Amino acid sequence: MTPNYRPLIFAVVCALITTLSFAQRPTNEWKAQLALGVNNASSSGFVAGFESKSLNFPTVNLGIQHMFKKQLGAKLDFGFNRFSSGEASLEFKTNYTRINAQLVYDPTEALVFLPQRIGIVAHAGPGYSIIKPLGNYSNNDLSFLNAMAGVEFHYGLSQTLSVYTDVSYIMGFANDFDPVAEGFGAFNGDLLTVTFGLTFSLSGCRYCD
């Protein structure tokens, strides 16, 4: 009697398909990010008499990421931040909006000591910042170039979804403003942000659970 190899062949084919799907990782090609957190505005960015709280809410980050290779990619992301006056400051609220184009580097596979499901991603790139004071100082708008750099720590929930924490520093390249005409409620300094959010695949995965 001829042995029936069909179950074995089927099992091998399924294993190969699964292995290839993990090796190619199509879910990494296109991703979207959504995060919410807090920010800290550098005191040097305000004129005398103005200073923000140490921690300000909210910070909202939205991004689209494309990986050219397993370790290298790029993303375009948008950030909205609001900070307000501290206890010893004149009262104010300011909106800080930015958009950045960044390179993305994922060294996770090379970091063999990392636990399973944990990933690390670094990002950096130039951008543009728009400052909009609110209330009595709403005419004191500013805009300037920036450079942003940060590190993300990911925990994979599935092949298509992960939760992550991002710590980023945004350096502003603004000129000094006139304290009276432009400075009240405005800001031309650096910003530190800490956010928590979701990264999810936009490129799909045929063999994902």
C-alpha atoms as a PDB file:
ATOM      1  CA  MET A   1       0.000   0.000   0.000  1.00  0.00           C
ATOM      2  CA  THR A   2       1.337   3.380  -0.942  1.00  0.00           C
ATOM      3  CA  PRO A   3       1.844   5.584   2.129  1.00  0.00           C
ATOM      4  CA  ASN A   4      -0.404   8.647   2.314  1.00  0.00           C
ATOM      5  CA  TYR A   5       1.989  11.600   2.469  1.00  0.00           C
ATOM      6  CA  ARG A   6      -0.649  14.250   1.886  1.00  0.00           C
ATOM      7  CA  PRO A   7      -1.059  15.236   5.590  1.00  0.00           C
ATOM      8  CA  LEU A   8       2.725  15.544   5.959  1.00  0.00           C
ATOM      9  CA  ILE A   9       3.065  17.584   2.762  1.00  0.00           C
ATOM     10  CA  PHE A  10       0.203  19.828   3.856  1.00  0.00           C
ATOM     11  CA  ALA A  11       1.847  20.400   7.243  1.00  0.00           C
ATOM     12  CA  VAL A  12       5.211  21.256   5.620  1.00  0.00           C
ATOM     13  CA  VAL A  13       3.602  23.706   3.182  1.00  0.00           C
ATOM     14  CA  CYS A  14       1.706  25.411   6.017  1.00  0.00           C
ATOM     15  CA  ALA A  15       4.921  25.695   8.027  1.00  0.00           C
ATOM     16  CA  LEU A  16       6.759  27.228   5.071  1.00  0.00           C
ATOM     17  CA  ILE A  17       3.961  29.704   4.421  1.00  0.00           C
ATOM     18  CA  THR A  18       3.920  30.738   8.076  1.00  0.00           C
ATOM     19  CA  THR A  19       7.706  31.058   8.176  1.00  0.00           C
ATOM     20  CA  LEU A  20       7.789  33.179   5.034  1.00  0.00           C
ATOM     21  CA  SER A  21       5.004  35.395   6.288  1.00  0.00           C
ATOM     22  CA  PHE A  22       6.914  36.084   9.475  1.00  0.00           C
ATOM     23  CA  ALA A  23      10.223  36.587   7.632  1.00  0.00           C
ATOM     24  CA  GLN A  24       8.786  39.076   5.185  1.00  0.00           C
ATOM     25  CA  ARG A  25       6.695  40.809   7.854  1.00  0.00           C
ATOM     26  CA  PRO A  26       4.419  42.713   5.483  1.00  0.00           C
ATOM     27  CA  THR A  27       2.717  44.296   8.457  1.00  0.00           C
ATOM     28  CA  ASN A  28       5.805  46.432   8.981  1.00  0.00           C
ATOM     29  CA  GLU A  29       5.688  48.094   5.558  1.00  0.00           C
ATOM     30  CA  TRP A  30       2.989  50.649   6.339  1.00  0.00           C
ATOM     31  CA  LYS A  31       1.886  51.592   9.833  1.00  0.00           C
ATOM     32  CA  ALA A  32      -0.189  54.260  11.513  1.00  0.00           C
ATOM     33  CA  GLN A  33       0.435  55.662  14.982  1.00  0.00           C
ATOM     34  CA  LEU A  34      -1.845  57.368  17.466  1.00  0.00           C
ATOM     35  CA  ALA A  35      -0.595  58.525  20.860  1.00  0.00           C
ATOM     36  CA  LEU A  36      -1.613  60.738  23.771  1.00  0.00           C
ATOM     37  CA  GLY A  37       0.574  62.128  26.535  1.00  0.00           C
ATOM     38  CA  VAL A  38       2.158  65.103  28.281  1.00  0.00           C
ATOM     39  CA  ASN A  39       4.778  67.733  27.524  1.00  0.00           C
ATOM     40  CA  ASN A  40       7.311  69.978  29.228  1.00  0.00           C
ATOM     41  CA  ALA A  41       8.205  73.356  27.683  1.00  0.00           C
ATOM     42  CA  SER A  42      11.698  74.706  28.370  1.00  0.00           C
ATOM     43  CA  SER A  43      11.635  77.785  30.583  1.00  0.00           C
ATOM     44  CA  SER A  44      14.149  79.546  28.298  1.00  0.00           C
ATOM     45  CA  GLY A  45      11.477  79.794  25.608  1.00  0.00           C
ATOM     46  CA  PHE A  46       9.360  82.328  27.528  1.00  0.00           C
ATOM     47  CA  VAL A  47       9.834  86.004  28.314  1.00  0.00           C
ATOM     48  CA  ALA A  48      10.213  87.160  31.923  1.00  0.00           C
ATOM     49  CA  GLY A  49       7.063  86.637  33.970  1.00  0.00           C
ATOM     50  CA  PHE A  50       5.872  83.652  31.942  1.00  0.00           C
ATOM     51  CA  GLU A  51       6.546  80.021  32.751  1.00  0.00           C
ATOM     52  CA  SER A  52       4.570  76.856  32.095  1.00  0.00           C
ATOM     53  CA  LYS A  53       3.696  73.955  34.359  1.00  0.00           C
ATOM     54  CA  SER A  54       6.227  71.149  34.647  1.00  0.00           C
ATOM     55  CA  LEU A  55       3.793  68.722  33.030  1.00  0.00           C
ATOM     56  CA  ASN A  56       1.167  69.844  30.553  1.00  0.00           C
ATOM     57  CA  PHE A  57      -1.712  67.976  28.945  1.00  0.00           C
ATOM     58  CA  PRO A  58      -2.462  67.148  26.208  1.00  0.00           C
ATOM     59  CA  THR A  59       0.112  66.067  23.695  1.00  0.00           C
ATOM     60  CA  VAL A  60      -1.393  64.295  20.679  1.00  0.00           C
ATOM     61  CA  ASN A  61       0.747  62.591  18.021  1.00  0.00           C
ATOM     62  CA  LEU A  62      -0.488  61.149  14.710  1.00  0.00           C
ATOM     63  CA  GLY A  63       1.845  59.487  12.204  1.00  0.00           C
ATOM     64  CA  ILE A  64       2.171  57.394   9.050  1.00  0.00           C
ATOM     65  CA  GLN A  65       5.280  55.206   8.786  1.00  0.00           C
ATOM     66  CA  HIS A  66       6.795  53.297   5.865  1.00  0.00           C
ATOM     67  CA  MET A  67       9.697  50.876   6.243  1.00  0.00           C
ATOM     68  CA  PHE A  68      11.971  50.555   3.193  1.00  0.00           C
ATOM     69  CA  LYS A  69      13.880  47.710   4.815  1.00  0.00           C
ATOM     70  CA  LYS A  70      13.519  45.757   8.055  1.00  0.00           C
ATOM     71  CA  GLN A  71      15.551  48.328   9.965  1.00  0.00           C
ATOM     72  CA  LEU A  72      15.205  51.567   7.994  1.00  0.00           C
ATOM     73  CA  GLY A  73      12.183  53.660   7.112  1.00  0.00           C
ATOM     74  CA  ALA A  74      10.581  57.074   7.279  1.00  0.00           C
ATOM     75  CA  LYS A  75       7.493  58.648   8.753  1.00  0.00           C
ATOM     76  CA  LEU A  76       5.475  61.823   8.506  1.00  0.00           C
ATOM     77  CA  ASP A  77       3.891  62.831  11.775  1.00  0.00           C
ATOM     78  CA  PHE A  78       1.793  65.607  13.252  1.00  0.00           C
ATOM     79  CA  GLY A  79       1.828  66.759  16.855  1.00  0.00           C
ATOM     80  CA  PHE A  80      -0.466  68.994  18.869  1.00  0.00           C
ATOM     81  CA  ASN A  81       0.635  70.242  22.297  1.00  0.00           C
ATOM     82  CA  ARG A  82      -0.891  72.637  24.795  1.00  0.00           C
ATOM     83  CA  PHE A  83       0.851  74.144  27.795  1.00  0.00           C
ATOM     84  CA  SER A  84      -0.382  76.663  30.348  1.00  0.00           C
ATOM     85  CA  SER A  85       0.889  78.931  33.102  1.00  0.00           C
ATOM     86  CA  GLY A  86       2.512  77.634  36.245  1.00  0.00           C
ATOM     87  CA  GLU A  87       1.750  78.879  39.765  1.00  0.00           C
ATOM     88  CA  ALA A  88       4.334  81.709  39.721  1.00  0.00           C
ATOM     89  CA  SER A  89       3.552  82.829  36.150  1.00  0.00           C
ATOM     90  CA  LEU A  90       1.235  85.317  34.544  1.00  0.00           C
ATOM     91  CA  GLU A  91      -1.815  83.474  33.267  1.00  0.00           C
ATOM     92  CA  PHE A  92      -1.682  82.114  29.705  1.00  0.00           C
ATOM     93  CA  LYS A  93      -2.369  79.121  27.486  1.00  0.00           C
ATOM     94  CA  THR A  94      -0.476  78.299  24.305  1.00  0.00           C
ATOM     95  CA  ASN A  95      -0.979  75.781  21.505  1.00  0.00           C
ATOM     96  CA  TYR A  96       2.147  74.267  19.965  1.00  0.00           C
ATOM     97  CA  THR A  97       1.555  72.469  16.653  1.00  0.00           C
ATOM     98  CA  ARG A  98       4.264  70.726  14.647  1.00  0.00           C
ATOM     99  CA  ILE A  99       4.752  68.568  11.572  1.00  0.00           C
ATOM    100  CA  ASN A 100       7.921  66.519  11.022  1.00  0.00           C
ATOM    101  CA  ALA A 101       9.436  64.257   8.365  1.00  0.00           C
ATOM    102  CA  GLN A 102      11.669  61.734  10.113  1.00  0.00           C
ATOM    103  CA  LEU A 103      13.939  58.806   9.418  1.00  0.00           C
ATOM    104  CA  VAL A 104      13.114  55.664  11.387  1.00  0.00           C
ATOM    105  CA  TYR A 105      15.622  53.059  12.584  1.00  0.00           C
ATOM    106  CA  ASP A 106      14.548  49.741  14.104  1.00  0.00           C
ATOM    107  CA  PRO A 107      17.471  47.825  15.686  1.00  0.00           C
ATOM    108  CA  THR A 108      15.230  45.299  17.463  1.00  0.00           C
ATOM    109  CA  GLU A 109      16.451  42.190  15.605  1.00  0.00           C
ATOM    110  CA  ALA A 110      20.076  43.027  16.421  1.00  0.00           C
ATOM    111  CA  LEU A 111      19.298  43.459  20.125  1.00  0.00           C
ATOM    112  CA  VAL A 112      19.087  39.749  20.942  1.00  0.00           C
ATOM    113  CA  PHE A 113      18.824  40.388  24.696  1.00  0.00           C
ATOM    114  CA  LEU A 114      15.389  41.985  24.344  1.00  0.00           C
ATOM    115  CA  PRO A 115      12.436  39.896  25.571  1.00  0.00           C
ATOM    116  CA  GLN A 116      10.036  38.537  22.980  1.00  0.00           C
ATOM    117  CA  ARG A 117       7.395  41.040  21.791  1.00  0.00           C
ATOM    118  CA  ILE A 118       9.544  44.010  22.904  1.00  0.00           C
ATOM    119  CA  GLY A 119      10.834  46.398  20.235  1.00  0.00           C
ATOM    120  CA  ILE A 120      12.823  49.635  20.159  1.00  0.00           C
ATOM    121  CA  VAL A 121      12.559  52.244  17.384  1.00  0.00           C
ATOM    122  CA  ALA A 122      14.570  55.472  17.044  1.00  0.00           C
ATOM    123  CA  HIS A 123      13.414  58.412  14.933  1.00  0.00           C
ATOM    124  CA  ALA A 124      14.766  61.847  14.008  1.00  0.00           C
ATOM    125  CA  GLY A 125      14.165  64.561  11.444  1.00  0.00           C
ATOM    126  CA  PRO A 126      13.373  68.186  10.640  1.00  0.00           C
ATOM    127  CA  GLY A 127      10.015  69.901  10.912  1.00  0.00           C
ATOM    128  CA  TYR A 128       8.021  73.067  11.320  1.00  0.00           C
ATOM    129  CA  SER A 129       6.477  74.458  14.506  1.00  0.00           C
ATOM    130  CA  ILE A 130       3.514  76.822  14.825  1.00  0.00           C
ATOM    131  CA  ILE A 131       2.886  78.664  18.080  1.00  0.00           C
ATOM    132  CA  LYS A 132      -0.569  80.054  18.838  1.00  0.00           C
ATOM    133  CA  PRO A 133      -1.116  81.827  22.187  1.00  0.00           C
ATOM    134  CA  LEU A 134      -4.721  81.911  23.364  1.00  0.00           C
ATOM    135  CA  GLY A 135      -6.840  84.505  25.171  1.00  0.00           C
ATOM    136  CA  ASN A 136      -5.396  88.000  25.546  1.00  0.00           C
ATOM    137  CA  TYR A 137      -2.228  87.120  23.614  1.00  0.00           C
ATOM    138  CA  SER A 138      -3.807  85.511  20.554  1.00  0.00           C
ATOM    139  CA  ASN A 139      -2.095  87.958  18.145  1.00  0.00           C
ATOM    140  CA  ASN A 140       1.392  86.841  19.195  1.00  0.00           C
ATOM    141  CA  ASP A 141       1.742  83.979  16.716  1.00  0.00           C
ATOM    142  CA  LEU A 142       5.134  82.483  15.892  1.00  0.00           C
ATOM    143  CA  SER A 143       6.435  79.832  13.512  1.00  0.00           C
ATOM    144  CA  PHE A 144       9.905  78.361  13.097  1.00  0.00           C
ATOM    145  CA  LEU A 145      11.886  75.321  11.999  1.00  0.00           C
ATOM    146  CA  ASN A 146      12.573  72.492  14.409  1.00  0.00           C
ATOM    147  CA  ALA A 147      14.518  69.246  14.710  1.00  0.00           C
ATOM    148  CA  MET A 148      12.992  66.292  16.523  1.00  0.00           C
ATOM    149  CA  ALA A 149      14.507  63.083  17.889  1.00  0.00           C
ATOM    150  CA  GLY A 150      13.045  60.336  20.006  1.00  0.00           C
ATOM    151  CA  VAL A 151      12.900  56.688  21.042  1.00  0.00           C
ATOM    152  CA  GLU A 152       9.872  54.394  21.029  1.00  0.00           C
ATOM    153  CA  PHE A 153       9.436  51.273  23.176  1.00  0.00           C
ATOM    154  CA  HIS A 154       6.932  48.800  21.701  1.00  0.00           C
ATOM    155  CA  TYR A 155       5.100  45.789  23.087  1.00  0.00           C
ATOM    156  CA  GLY A 156       3.505  43.627  20.410  1.00  0.00           C
ATOM    157  CA  LEU A 157      -0.068  42.526  21.082  1.00  0.00           C
ATOM    158  CA  SER A 158      -0.286  40.790  17.689  1.00  0.00           C
ATOM    159  CA  GLN A 159       1.415  40.906  14.296  1.00  0.00           C
ATOM    160  CA  THR A 160      -0.681  43.920  13.364  1.00  0.00           C
ATOM    161  CA  LEU A 161      -0.982  45.827  16.652  1.00  0.00           C
ATOM    162  CA  SER A 162       1.351  47.074  19.364  1.00  0.00           C
ATOM    163  CA  VAL A 163       1.229  49.488  22.264  1.00  0.00           C
ATOM    164  CA  TYR A 164       4.138  51.852  22.671  1.00  0.00           C
ATOM    165  CA  THR A 165       5.709  54.663  24.652  1.00  0.00           C
ATOM    166  CA  ASP A 166       7.555  57.481  22.911  1.00  0.00           C
ATOM    167  CA  VAL A 167       9.989  59.933  24.512  1.00  0.00           C
ATOM    168  CA  SER A 168      10.901  62.798  22.162  1.00  0.00           C
ATOM    169  CA  TYR A 169      12.759  66.094  22.255  1.00  0.00           C
ATOM    170  CA  ILE A 170      11.854  68.901  19.840  1.00  0.00           C
ATOM    171  CA  MET A 171      14.507  71.581  19.411  1.00  0.00           C
ATOM    172  CA  GLY A 172      13.283  74.923  18.094  1.00  0.00           C
ATOM    173  CA  PHE A 173      15.293  77.159  15.767  1.00  0.00           C
ATOM    174  CA  ALA A 174      13.418  80.402  16.362  1.00  0.00           C
ATOM    175  CA  ASN A 175      14.868  83.888  16.515  1.00  0.00           C
ATOM    176  CA  ASP A 176      14.462  85.923  19.684  1.00  0.00           C
ATOM    177  CA  PHE A 177      11.175  87.818  19.707  1.00  0.00           C
ATOM    178  CA  ASP A 178      10.339  91.279  20.973  1.00  0.00           C
ATOM    179  CA  PRO A 179       9.217  90.826  24.603  1.00  0.00           C
ATOM    180  CA  VAL A 180       6.376  93.335  24.390  1.00  0.00           C
ATOM    181  CA  ALA A 181       5.075  93.019  20.833  1.00  0.00           C
ATOM    182  CA  GLU A 182       5.507  89.260  20.416  1.00  0.00           C
ATOM    183  CA  GLY A 183       6.563  87.665  23.664  1.00  0.00           C
ATOM    184  CA  PHE A 184       3.478  87.624  25.897  1.00  0.00           C
ATOM    185  CA  GLY A 185       2.083  84.110  25.926  1.00  0.00           C
ATOM    186  CA  ALA A 186       4.362  83.027  23.081  1.00  0.00           C
ATOM    187  CA  PHE A 187       7.126  80.438  23.109  1.00  0.00           C
ATOM    188  CA  ASN A 188      10.295  79.938  21.056  1.00  0.00           C
ATOM    189  CA  GLY A 189      12.092  77.175  22.946  1.00  0.00           C
ATOM    190  CA  ASP A 190      12.395  73.399  23.100  1.00  0.00           C
ATOM    191  CA  LEU A 191       9.753  70.845  24.031  1.00  0.00           C
ATOM    192  CA  LEU A 192       9.998  67.429  25.691  1.00  0.00           C
ATOM    193  CA  THR A 193       7.107  65.030  25.128  1.00  0.00           C
ATOM    194  CA  VAL A 194       6.148  61.645  26.585  1.00  0.00           C
ATOM    195  CA  THR A 195       3.268  59.804  24.914  1.00  0.00           C
ATOM    196  CA  PHE A 196       1.520  56.430  25.089  1.00  0.00           C
ATOM    197  CA  GLY A 197      -0.324  54.970  22.141  1.00  0.00           C
ATOM    198  CA  LEU A 198      -1.032  52.346  19.500  1.00  0.00           C
ATOM    199  CA  THR A 199       0.794  51.341  16.330  1.00  0.00           C
ATOM    200  CA  PHE A 200      -1.261  49.345  13.836  1.00  0.00           C
ATOM    201  CA  SER A 201      -0.575  47.928  10.399  1.00  0.00           C
ATOM    202  CA  LEU A 202      -2.044  49.512   7.265  1.00  0.00           C
ATOM    203  CA  SER A 203      -0.499  46.979   4.857  1.00  0.00           C
ATOM    204  CA  GLY A 204      -2.416  43.966   6.131  1.00  0.00           C
ATOM    205  CA  CYS A 205      -1.323  40.422   6.785  1.00  0.00           C
ATOM    206  CA  ARG A 206      -2.928  37.491   4.988  1.00  0.00           C
ATOM    207  CA  TYR A 207      -1.756  34.884   7.462  1.00  0.00           C
ATOM    208  CA  CYS A 208      -2.111  36.827  10.706  1.00  0.00           C
ATOM    209  CA  ASP A 209      -4.222  35.474  13.538  1.00  0.00           C
END
